[in-house]
Amino acid sequence: MKGILGRKVGMTQIYKQDGTVVPVTVVEAGPCFVTQLRVPERDGYRAVQLGFGPAKTKHLTKGQQGHLENAGVPQLRHLREVRTREDETYTLGQQILVDIFEPGERVDIQGKSKGRGFQGVVKRHHFAGGPHTHGQSDRERAPGSIGACATPGRVWKGQRMPGQLGNKQTTVQNLEVVLVDPERNLLAVRGSVPGPKGALVLIKGVRKQRVARGG
């Protein structure tokens, strides 16, 4: 499965030939370098490790510096693994560019969502809240009952309650590639991408093919 690391630039819109407006997220994808190869005989699985983003030597440990020097690549800040198929071949130190994708292709993009802190059930789980009538004054955004009485006599596991919102690894699937600009290492996909501007994202080939439903 092909993949590339990138950095989220932001959202904009693109006009198609027919005049329709497409909302897109622009990602600065690559260039990436192959820093390690995983093989089933030694590691038990097949994958390739990609490095992205220049880094200063003082920001890397001695182990990281030696690892990158052995691969024959410059000092890189981010390292991520992408599973590969048996028919895909990579070489140590190979450069991966954004032109591995084409307009019209579909991809999955993985990143860390924006952290929203501790939130209540209305914002976190889209609860409707309590009624605004019948004399209540402080129950508008309360979760209400969280369990039964004697049976089961406890709160069910997985009960939706207030807590941490966001700041989790998230994957958005089946995003359409609208624009590929190899000269500026830019990739534009239709729709939104996890994370704030400047966030690190991993763009991979789609895993679940979209099936058209018949009428």
Protein backbone atom coordinates (compact mmCIF):
# COMPACT_ATOMS: atom_id res chain seq x y z
CA MET A 1 0.00 0.00 0.00
CA LYS A 2 1.54 3.27 -1.07
CA GLY A 3 1.73 6.15 1.36
CA ILE A 4 3.37 9.47 2.07
CA LEU A 5 3.73 11.81 5.04
CA GLY A 6 2.67 15.42 4.85
CA ARG A 7 1.68 18.55 6.72
CA LYS A 8 -1.80 20.07 6.65
CA VAL A 9 -1.74 23.54 5.09
CA GLY A 10 -5.41 24.49 5.34
CA MET A 11 -8.71 24.53 3.48
CA THR A 12 -9.72 26.38 0.34
CA GLN A 13 -11.92 25.79 -2.71
CA ILE A 14 -11.25 24.80 -6.31
CA TYR A 15 -13.39 25.46 -9.36
CA LYS A 16 -13.89 22.56 -11.74
CA GLN A 17 -14.18 22.84 -15.50
CA ASP A 18 -17.98 22.82 -15.28
CA GLY A 19 -17.93 25.72 -12.80
CA THR A 20 -18.81 23.74 -9.67
CA VAL A 21 -16.99 24.64 -6.47
CA VAL A 22 -15.18 21.87 -4.57
CA PRO A 23 -14.08 22.41 -0.92
CA VAL A 24 -10.60 20.94 -0.53
CA THR A 25 -7.89 20.55 2.09
CA VAL A 26 -4.36 21.29 0.89
CA VAL A 27 -1.56 19.09 2.23
CA GLU A 28 2.16 19.59 1.73
CA ALA A 29 3.02 15.95 1.01
CA GLY A 30 6.66 14.90 0.95
CA PRO A 31 9.31 14.60 -0.09
CA CYS A 32 9.75 11.52 2.08
CA PHE A 33 12.65 9.10 2.35
CA VAL A 34 12.65 5.35 2.93
CA THR A 35 14.56 4.95 6.19
CA GLN A 36 13.95 1.26 6.92
CA LEU A 37 12.53 -1.86 5.28
CA ARG A 38 10.55 -4.44 7.23
CA VAL A 39 10.54 -8.00 5.85
CA PRO A 40 8.57 -11.06 7.06
CA GLU A 41 11.70 -13.20 7.43
CA ARG A 42 13.19 -10.87 10.04
CA ASP A 43 10.31 -8.78 11.41
CA GLY A 44 7.27 -10.98 10.83
CA TYR A 45 5.51 -8.45 8.58
CA ARG A 46 6.13 -6.39 5.46
CA ALA A 47 6.33 -2.59 5.75
CA VAL A 48 8.38 0.46 4.87
CA GLN A 49 9.42 3.23 7.27
CA LEU A 50 9.12 6.75 5.89
CA GLY A 51 10.89 9.86 7.14
CA PHE A 52 9.58 13.39 6.64
CA GLY A 53 10.51 16.93 7.61
CA PRO A 54 14.03 18.32 8.09
CA ALA A 55 15.37 18.31 11.63
CA LYS A 56 18.37 19.77 13.41
CA THR A 57 20.91 17.29 14.72
CA LYS A 58 20.58 18.64 18.27
CA HIS A 59 16.89 17.68 18.28
CA LEU A 60 17.61 14.00 17.54
CA THR A 61 19.00 11.32 19.82
CA LYS A 62 22.23 9.52 19.00
CA GLY A 63 20.23 6.44 18.09
CA GLN A 64 18.03 8.39 15.67
CA GLN A 65 21.06 10.04 14.08
CA GLY A 66 22.77 6.70 13.53
CA HIS A 67 19.60 5.14 12.18
CA LEU A 68 19.22 7.88 9.56
CA GLU A 69 22.92 7.87 8.66
CA ASN A 70 22.83 4.12 8.03
CA ALA A 71 19.90 4.67 5.67
CA GLY A 72 21.83 7.36 3.78
CA VAL A 73 19.15 10.00 4.23
CA PRO A 74 19.23 13.52 5.74
CA GLN A 75 18.22 14.23 9.33
CA LEU A 76 14.44 13.83 9.51
CA ARG A 77 11.98 14.75 12.22
CA HIS A 78 9.07 12.34 11.71
CA LEU A 79 9.22 8.55 11.14
CA ARG A 80 6.16 6.44 10.35
CA GLU A 81 5.58 2.92 9.00
CA VAL A 82 3.29 1.96 6.14
CA ARG A 83 2.37 -1.66 5.43
CA THR A 84 3.30 -2.82 1.93
CA ARG A 85 2.27 -5.65 -0.37
CA GLU A 86 4.51 -8.36 -1.70
CA ASP A 87 4.46 -6.92 -5.24
CA GLU A 88 5.67 -3.49 -4.05
CA THR A 89 9.41 -2.85 -4.06
CA TYR A 90 11.29 -0.12 -2.21
CA THR A 91 14.97 0.58 -1.68
CA LEU A 92 16.70 2.08 1.34
CA GLY A 93 17.12 5.83 0.88
CA GLN A 94 14.53 6.02 -1.91
CA GLN A 95 12.71 9.34 -2.22
CA ILE A 96 8.90 9.29 -2.24
CA LEU A 97 7.18 12.24 -3.94
CA VAL A 98 3.58 13.40 -4.16
CA ASP A 99 3.28 12.19 -7.77
CA ILE A 100 2.58 8.66 -6.53
CA PHE A 101 -1.05 9.84 -6.40
CA GLU A 102 -3.20 11.02 -9.29
CA PRO A 103 -6.29 13.26 -9.50
CA GLY A 104 -9.47 11.22 -9.16
CA GLU A 105 -7.81 8.64 -6.94
CA ARG A 106 -9.18 7.98 -3.46
CA VAL A 107 -7.07 7.95 -0.31
CA ASP A 108 -7.29 7.51 3.46
CA ILE A 109 -5.76 10.24 5.61
CA GLN A 110 -4.72 9.61 9.20
CA GLY A 111 -3.93 12.31 11.76
CA LYS A 112 -4.54 13.48 15.29
CA SER A 113 -7.81 15.37 15.74
CA LYS A 114 -8.01 18.77 17.43
CA GLY A 115 -8.06 18.55 21.20
CA ARG A 116 -11.17 20.15 22.74
CA GLY A 117 -10.40 19.43 26.38
CA PHE A 118 -12.96 18.16 28.90
CA GLN A 119 -16.45 18.56 27.47
CA GLY A 120 -19.99 17.71 28.49
CA VAL A 121 -22.35 15.28 26.83
CA VAL A 122 -24.07 17.91 24.66
CA LYS A 123 -20.87 18.84 22.84
CA ARG A 124 -19.13 15.47 23.12
CA HIS A 125 -22.01 13.14 22.23
CA HIS A 126 -24.61 15.57 20.78
CA PHE A 127 -27.15 14.97 23.56
CA ALA A 128 -30.27 17.12 23.35
CA GLY A 129 -30.12 18.11 27.01
CA GLY A 130 -33.02 18.37 29.40
CA PRO A 131 -36.30 20.22 28.94
CA HIS A 132 -36.29 24.01 29.32
CA THR A 133 -39.64 24.03 31.11
CA HIS A 134 -41.38 22.56 34.19
CA GLY A 135 -39.44 24.70 36.59
CA GLN A 136 -35.95 23.32 36.01
CA SER A 137 -33.15 25.88 35.99
CA ASP A 138 -29.85 24.02 35.89
CA ARG A 139 -30.48 20.78 33.93
CA GLU A 140 -30.39 22.11 30.36
CA ARG A 141 -27.07 20.47 29.46
CA ALA A 142 -27.06 17.64 32.01
CA PRO A 143 -26.75 13.97 30.90
CA GLY A 144 -29.76 12.78 32.89
CA SER A 145 -29.98 9.25 34.28
CA ILE A 146 -26.91 7.09 33.69
CA GLY A 147 -28.28 3.74 34.83
CA ALA A 148 -31.14 1.65 36.19
CA CYS A 149 -32.06 0.89 39.81
CA ALA A 150 -31.52 -2.54 41.40
CA THR A 151 -30.92 -4.22 38.05
CA PRO A 152 -28.13 -4.12 37.04
CA GLY A 153 -27.25 -1.95 40.05
CA ARG A 154 -24.30 -0.36 38.28
CA VAL A 155 -23.45 1.89 35.34
CA TRP A 156 -23.17 0.05 32.03
CA LYS A 157 -19.69 -0.15 30.55
CA GLY A 158 -19.33 2.30 27.68
CA GLN A 159 -21.98 4.69 28.99
CA ARG A 160 -21.63 8.02 27.19
CA MET A 161 -20.60 10.64 29.72
CA PRO A 162 -18.54 13.85 29.93
CA GLY A 163 -14.83 13.50 29.26
CA GLN A 164 -11.90 14.26 26.98
CA LEU A 165 -12.91 15.28 23.47
CA GLY A 166 -10.55 15.07 20.50
CA ASN A 167 -6.75 14.71 20.53
CA LYS A 168 -7.07 11.15 19.22
CA GLN A 169 -5.69 9.32 16.21
CA THR A 170 -8.36 9.60 13.52
CA THR A 171 -8.63 8.27 9.97
CA VAL A 172 -10.88 9.80 7.32
CA GLN A 173 -11.54 7.33 4.53
CA ASN A 174 -12.30 7.57 0.83
CA LEU A 175 -11.25 11.16 0.20
CA GLU A 176 -10.99 12.10 -3.47
CA VAL A 177 -7.71 13.55 -4.73
CA VAL A 178 -8.65 16.71 -6.62
CA LEU A 179 -5.23 18.24 -7.38
CA VAL A 180 -1.61 17.06 -7.44
CA ASP A 181 1.16 19.67 -7.77
CA PRO A 182 4.57 17.90 -7.92
CA GLU A 183 6.48 21.17 -8.33
CA ARG A 184 5.31 22.50 -4.94
CA ASN A 185 4.73 19.08 -3.28
CA LEU A 186 1.06 19.90 -2.77
CA LEU A 187 -1.92 17.57 -2.66
CA ALA A 188 -5.55 18.74 -2.51
CA VAL A 189 -8.26 16.35 -1.35
CA ARG A 190 -11.99 16.90 -1.26
CA GLY A 191 -13.34 17.40 2.25
CA SER A 192 -11.76 17.87 5.65
CA VAL A 193 -8.63 16.32 7.18
CA PRO A 194 -8.01 15.64 10.89
CA GLY A 195 -5.96 18.10 12.93
CA PRO A 196 -5.15 21.82 12.96
CA LYS A 197 -3.07 23.68 10.40
CA GLY A 198 0.48 22.39 10.40
CA ALA A 199 -0.51 18.97 11.77
CA LEU A 200 1.31 15.86 10.58
CA VAL A 201 -0.84 13.54 8.45
CA LEU A 202 -0.28 10.17 6.79
CA ILE A 203 -1.81 9.73 3.34
CA LYS A 204 -2.32 6.12 2.24
CA GLY A 205 -4.03 4.25 -0.54
CA VAL A 206 -7.67 3.52 0.18
CA ARG A 207 -8.40 0.29 2.06
CA LYS A 208 -12.18 0.10 1.66
CA GLN A 209 -13.42 0.59 -1.87
CA ARG A 210 -16.62 2.60 -2.22
CA VAL A 211 -19.34 0.47 -3.80
CA ALA A 212 -22.04 2.19 -5.85
CA ARG A 213 -25.55 1.26 -4.74
CA GLY A 214 -28.07 0.31 -7.34
CA GLY A 215 -31.48 1.93 -7.53
